[in-house]
């Protein structure tokens, strides 16, 4: 047997009996040899070079970081609470609300995330198209200030090309633009790495109050100092 072969390999020093210490060592060798038998499957041992080895799947793992940019909230109330929207518009908003959040834009767009909030969402009439929401607020984040400004410039250029009326309108020391057509009036602005687009459908408020309402919503959404008062 294997034990006899290992024990016989232990020499007797100076022809005398085997010391007890050597017998103990030989026994330990037998135990280790038996555990390493090829009949048993070896247990995996985490590699010291891999700090996550041996941990449950997903433990200590983090998703790849998204492109750097400002935080864009996922909840509409984190931009402008619904009650505040109603106060600023100062008229009942008919219909429901809607929300669309996205953060999977192509890298070359420069946009990192966008939250669009719709108020006064009404169903389509029979055989027709749904009317646009009475109020729409869209906040986007970009990788840098230049990308945000470029987006506003492209929007204004497209509005001019389509025949919309374009008027410069600064808010809180930042340049913005009013875009108007028969269906709606929209305010667009870039502030640092963010853009904000607020659209008000025609007829929701009297025409003289449209700019005041839009500017108030912009100031509220971006946390800018108020320079106008809401219509009574």
Protein backbone atom coordinates (compact mmCIF):
# COMPACT_ATOMS: atom_id res chain seq x y z
CA UNK A 1 0.00 0.00 0.00
CA UNK A 2 0.99 3.60 -0.45
CA UNK A 3 1.29 4.13 3.33
CA UNK A 4 3.83 1.36 3.67
CA UNK A 5 5.92 2.79 0.85
CA UNK A 6 5.96 6.29 2.43
CA UNK A 7 6.81 5.01 5.91
CA UNK A 8 9.60 2.77 4.63
CA UNK A 9 11.10 5.78 2.95
CA UNK A 10 11.73 7.41 6.35
CA UNK A 11 15.33 6.51 7.35
CA UNK A 12 16.26 5.46 10.86
CA UNK A 13 19.01 7.81 11.96
CA UNK A 14 22.15 6.01 13.13
CA UNK A 15 20.37 2.61 12.88
CA UNK A 16 18.00 3.39 15.80
CA UNK A 17 14.20 3.53 15.95
CA UNK A 18 12.25 6.20 14.03
CA UNK A 19 11.72 9.28 16.22
CA UNK A 20 8.06 10.08 17.07
CA UNK A 21 8.41 13.55 15.40
CA UNK A 22 9.25 11.98 12.04
CA UNK A 23 6.33 9.57 12.34
CA UNK A 24 3.97 12.54 12.89
CA UNK A 25 5.38 14.31 9.82
CA UNK A 26 5.00 11.15 7.75
CA UNK A 27 1.36 10.85 8.83
CA UNK A 28 0.67 14.44 7.75
CA UNK A 29 2.22 13.66 4.37
CA UNK A 30 -0.18 10.73 4.02
CA UNK A 31 -3.18 12.99 4.74
CA UNK A 32 -2.10 15.59 2.19
CA UNK A 33 -1.31 12.92 -0.39
CA UNK A 34 -4.75 11.34 0.11
CA UNK A 35 -6.51 14.72 -0.37
CA UNK A 36 -4.64 15.36 -3.60
CA UNK A 37 -5.65 12.08 -5.15
CA UNK A 38 -6.63 12.35 -8.79
CA UNK A 39 -9.96 10.68 -7.95
CA UNK A 40 -11.21 13.86 -6.18
CA UNK A 41 -12.04 17.08 -8.04
CA UNK A 42 -9.97 20.01 -6.79
CA UNK A 43 -11.91 22.97 -5.36
CA UNK A 44 -11.45 26.30 -7.20
CA UNK A 45 -9.14 28.70 -5.47
CA UNK A 46 -9.59 32.44 -6.14
CA UNK A 47 -6.57 34.02 -7.74
CA UNK A 48 -5.01 36.79 -5.62
CA UNK A 49 -4.67 38.85 -8.80
CA UNK A 50 -8.48 38.94 -9.23
CA UNK A 51 -10.14 40.68 -6.23
CA UNK A 52 -13.63 39.66 -7.45
CA UNK A 53 -12.84 35.94 -7.83
CA UNK A 54 -15.05 33.75 -5.67
CA UNK A 55 -17.71 36.50 -5.26
CA UNK A 56 -21.32 35.99 -6.41
CA UNK A 57 -22.08 37.02 -9.97
CA UNK A 58 -22.45 40.78 -10.17
CA UNK A 59 -20.90 41.42 -6.76
CA UNK A 60 -18.63 44.41 -6.84
CA UNK A 61 -19.40 45.00 -10.50
CA UNK A 62 -20.50 48.40 -11.82
CA UNK A 63 -21.92 49.37 -15.18
CA UNK A 64 -19.77 51.28 -17.61
CA UNK A 65 -20.00 54.98 -16.79
CA UNK A 66 -22.16 57.06 -19.08
CA UNK A 67 -20.67 60.12 -20.78
CA UNK A 68 -20.12 62.94 -18.33
CA UNK A 69 -22.86 65.52 -18.21
CA UNK A 70 -25.27 67.23 -15.84
CA UNK A 71 -27.80 65.18 -13.95
CA UNK A 72 -31.16 65.13 -15.74
CA UNK A 73 -33.92 64.05 -13.34
CA UNK A 74 -36.26 61.24 -14.30
CA UNK A 75 -39.31 62.69 -12.53
CA UNK A 76 -41.17 65.69 -13.92
CA UNK A 77 -41.83 67.10 -10.46
CA UNK A 78 -38.05 67.41 -10.05
CA UNK A 79 -38.06 69.97 -12.89
CA UNK A 80 -41.29 71.85 -12.22
CA UNK A 81 -43.92 70.41 -9.86
CA UNK A 82 -47.29 69.97 -11.54
CA UNK A 83 -48.98 72.31 -9.07
CA UNK A 84 -46.45 75.01 -9.96
CA UNK A 85 -47.08 74.51 -13.70
CA UNK A 86 -50.79 75.11 -13.10
CA UNK A 87 -50.05 78.22 -11.02
CA UNK A 88 -47.86 79.72 -13.73
CA UNK A 89 -50.21 78.92 -16.60
CA UNK A 90 -53.10 80.17 -14.43
CA UNK A 91 -55.73 78.19 -16.34
CA UNK A 92 -56.99 74.61 -15.95
CA UNK A 93 -55.00 72.09 -17.98
CA UNK A 94 -57.40 69.67 -19.60
CA UNK A 95 -56.51 66.02 -20.07
CA UNK A 96 -53.75 63.95 -18.55
CA UNK A 97 -49.96 64.09 -18.27
CA UNK A 98 -47.14 62.22 -19.97
CA UNK A 99 -43.44 61.63 -19.38
CA UNK A 100 -40.65 60.34 -21.62
CA UNK A 101 -37.09 59.79 -20.31
CA UNK A 102 -34.13 58.62 -22.40
CA UNK A 103 -30.37 58.34 -21.84
CA UNK A 104 -29.25 56.17 -24.78
CA UNK A 105 -28.42 58.78 -27.39
CA UNK A 106 -25.63 58.30 -29.97
CA UNK A 107 -22.26 59.51 -28.74
CA UNK A 108 -21.85 61.91 -31.66
CA UNK A 109 -25.04 63.76 -30.66
CA UNK A 110 -23.39 65.12 -27.53
CA UNK A 111 -26.63 64.57 -25.61
CA UNK A 112 -26.46 62.44 -22.47
CA UNK A 113 -30.08 62.40 -21.29
CA UNK A 114 -33.47 64.01 -21.85
CA UNK A 115 -36.70 64.24 -19.87
CA UNK A 116 -39.86 65.43 -21.64
CA UNK A 117 -42.96 66.26 -19.59
CA UNK A 118 -46.36 66.84 -21.18
CA UNK A 119 -49.39 68.45 -19.56
CA UNK A 120 -52.90 68.67 -20.93
CA UNK A 121 -52.59 65.49 -23.01
CA UNK A 122 -55.92 64.84 -24.75
CA UNK A 123 -57.06 61.79 -26.73
CA UNK A 124 -57.50 61.87 -30.46
CA UNK A 125 -61.03 62.45 -31.75
CA UNK A 126 -62.66 59.72 -33.79
CA UNK A 127 -60.90 59.48 -37.13
CA UNK A 128 -58.49 62.30 -36.30
CA UNK A 129 -55.12 63.02 -34.74
CA UNK A 130 -54.57 63.79 -31.08
CA UNK A 131 -54.09 67.49 -30.39
CA UNK A 132 -50.68 68.52 -29.08
CA UNK A 133 -50.27 68.80 -25.31
CA UNK A 134 -51.16 72.16 -23.88
CA UNK A 135 -47.75 72.48 -22.24
CA UNK A 136 -44.53 70.56 -22.93
CA UNK A 137 -41.25 70.94 -21.04
CA UNK A 138 -38.11 69.15 -22.27
CA UNK A 139 -34.79 69.27 -20.37
CA UNK A 140 -31.63 67.78 -21.90
CA UNK A 141 -28.07 67.30 -20.70
CA UNK A 142 -24.96 67.45 -22.91
CA UNK A 143 -21.31 66.53 -22.60
CA UNK A 144 -20.24 70.19 -22.59
CA UNK A 145 -21.47 73.76 -23.04
CA UNK A 146 -20.57 73.83 -26.74
CA UNK A 147 -22.74 70.80 -27.52
CA UNK A 148 -25.72 72.36 -25.74
CA UNK A 149 -25.29 75.69 -27.55
CA UNK A 150 -24.93 73.94 -30.91
CA UNK A 151 -28.21 72.14 -30.31
CA UNK A 152 -30.04 75.43 -29.70
CA UNK A 153 -28.46 77.01 -32.76
CA UNK A 154 -29.58 74.06 -34.90
CA UNK A 155 -33.13 74.30 -33.52
CA UNK A 156 -33.33 78.03 -34.23
CA UNK A 157 -31.91 77.54 -37.72
CA UNK A 158 -34.49 74.85 -38.50
CA UNK A 159 -37.28 77.09 -37.20
CA UNK A 160 -36.22 79.94 -39.48
CA UNK A 161 -35.95 77.58 -42.44
CA UNK A 162 -39.50 76.32 -41.87
CA UNK A 163 -40.92 79.85 -41.76
CA UNK A 164 -41.47 80.20 -38.01
CA UNK A 165 -41.12 83.56 -36.36
CA UNK A 166 -37.89 83.78 -34.35
CA UNK A 167 -37.27 86.40 -31.67
CA UNK A 168 -34.33 86.70 -29.28
CA UNK A 169 -35.39 86.72 -25.61
CA UNK A 170 -32.80 86.61 -22.80
CA UNK A 171 -33.68 85.00 -19.46
CA UNK A 172 -31.57 85.23 -16.33
CA UNK A 173 -28.63 86.62 -18.29
CA UNK A 174 -28.70 83.75 -20.80
CA UNK A 175 -29.60 84.08 -24.47
CA UNK A 176 -32.77 82.33 -25.56
CA UNK A 177 -35.22 82.43 -28.44
CA UNK A 178 -38.97 82.50 -28.95
CA UNK A 179 -40.18 80.39 -31.89
CA UNK A 180 -43.76 80.92 -33.01
CA UNK A 181 -46.10 79.39 -35.57
CA UNK A 182 -49.91 79.14 -35.81
CA UNK A 183 -50.04 76.03 -33.60
CA UNK A 184 -47.71 76.87 -30.72
CA UNK A 185 -45.10 79.19 -29.30
CA UNK A 186 -41.84 77.72 -28.00
CA UNK A 187 -38.93 79.01 -25.95
CA UNK A 188 -35.47 77.43 -26.33
CA UNK A 189 -32.39 78.18 -24.25
CA UNK A 190 -28.96 76.74 -23.43
CA UNK A 191 -27.55 77.18 -19.93
CA UNK A 192 -24.14 75.61 -19.44
CA UNK A 193 -24.47 71.89 -20.30
CA UNK A 194 -28.27 71.92 -20.42
CA UNK A 195 -30.92 72.92 -22.90
CA UNK A 196 -34.54 73.62 -22.12
CA UNK A 197 -37.42 73.68 -24.58
CA UNK A 198 -40.84 74.84 -23.36
CA UNK A 199 -43.81 74.78 -25.73
CA UNK A 200 -47.22 76.33 -25.14
CA UNK A 201 -50.09 75.48 -27.46
CA UNK A 202 -51.93 78.42 -28.96
CA UNK A 203 -55.16 79.32 -27.21
CA UNK A 204 -54.20 77.96 -23.78
CA UNK A 205 -53.62 81.53 -22.54
CA UNK A 206 -54.31 84.87 -24.22
CA UNK A 207 -51.64 85.74 -26.76
CA UNK A 208 -50.24 88.72 -24.79
CA UNK A 209 -49.57 86.37 -21.86
CA UNK A 210 -47.76 83.65 -23.84
CA UNK A 211 -44.25 85.06 -23.47
CA UNK A 212 -44.74 85.76 -19.78
CA UNK A 213 -45.90 82.19 -19.13
CA UNK A 214 -43.05 80.66 -21.12
CA UNK A 215 -40.38 82.75 -19.41
CA UNK A 216 -41.79 81.95 -15.97
CA UNK A 217 -41.72 78.22 -16.74
CA UNK A 218 -38.12 78.49 -17.98
CA UNK A 219 -37.00 80.34 -14.85
CA UNK A 220 -38.72 77.76 -12.66
CA UNK A 221 -37.26 74.76 -14.51
CA UNK A 222 -33.69 76.07 -14.56
CA UNK A 223 -33.75 77.72 -11.16
CA UNK A 224 -32.96 81.11 -12.67
CA UNK A 225 -33.75 84.40 -10.93
CA UNK A 226 -37.21 85.62 -11.85
CA UNK A 227 -37.36 88.71 -14.02
CA UNK A 228 -41.04 88.59 -14.89
CA UNK A 229 -44.31 88.12 -13.07
CA UNK A 230 -46.96 85.54 -13.89
CA UNK A 231 -50.21 86.76 -15.41
CA UNK A 232 -53.06 87.18 -13.00
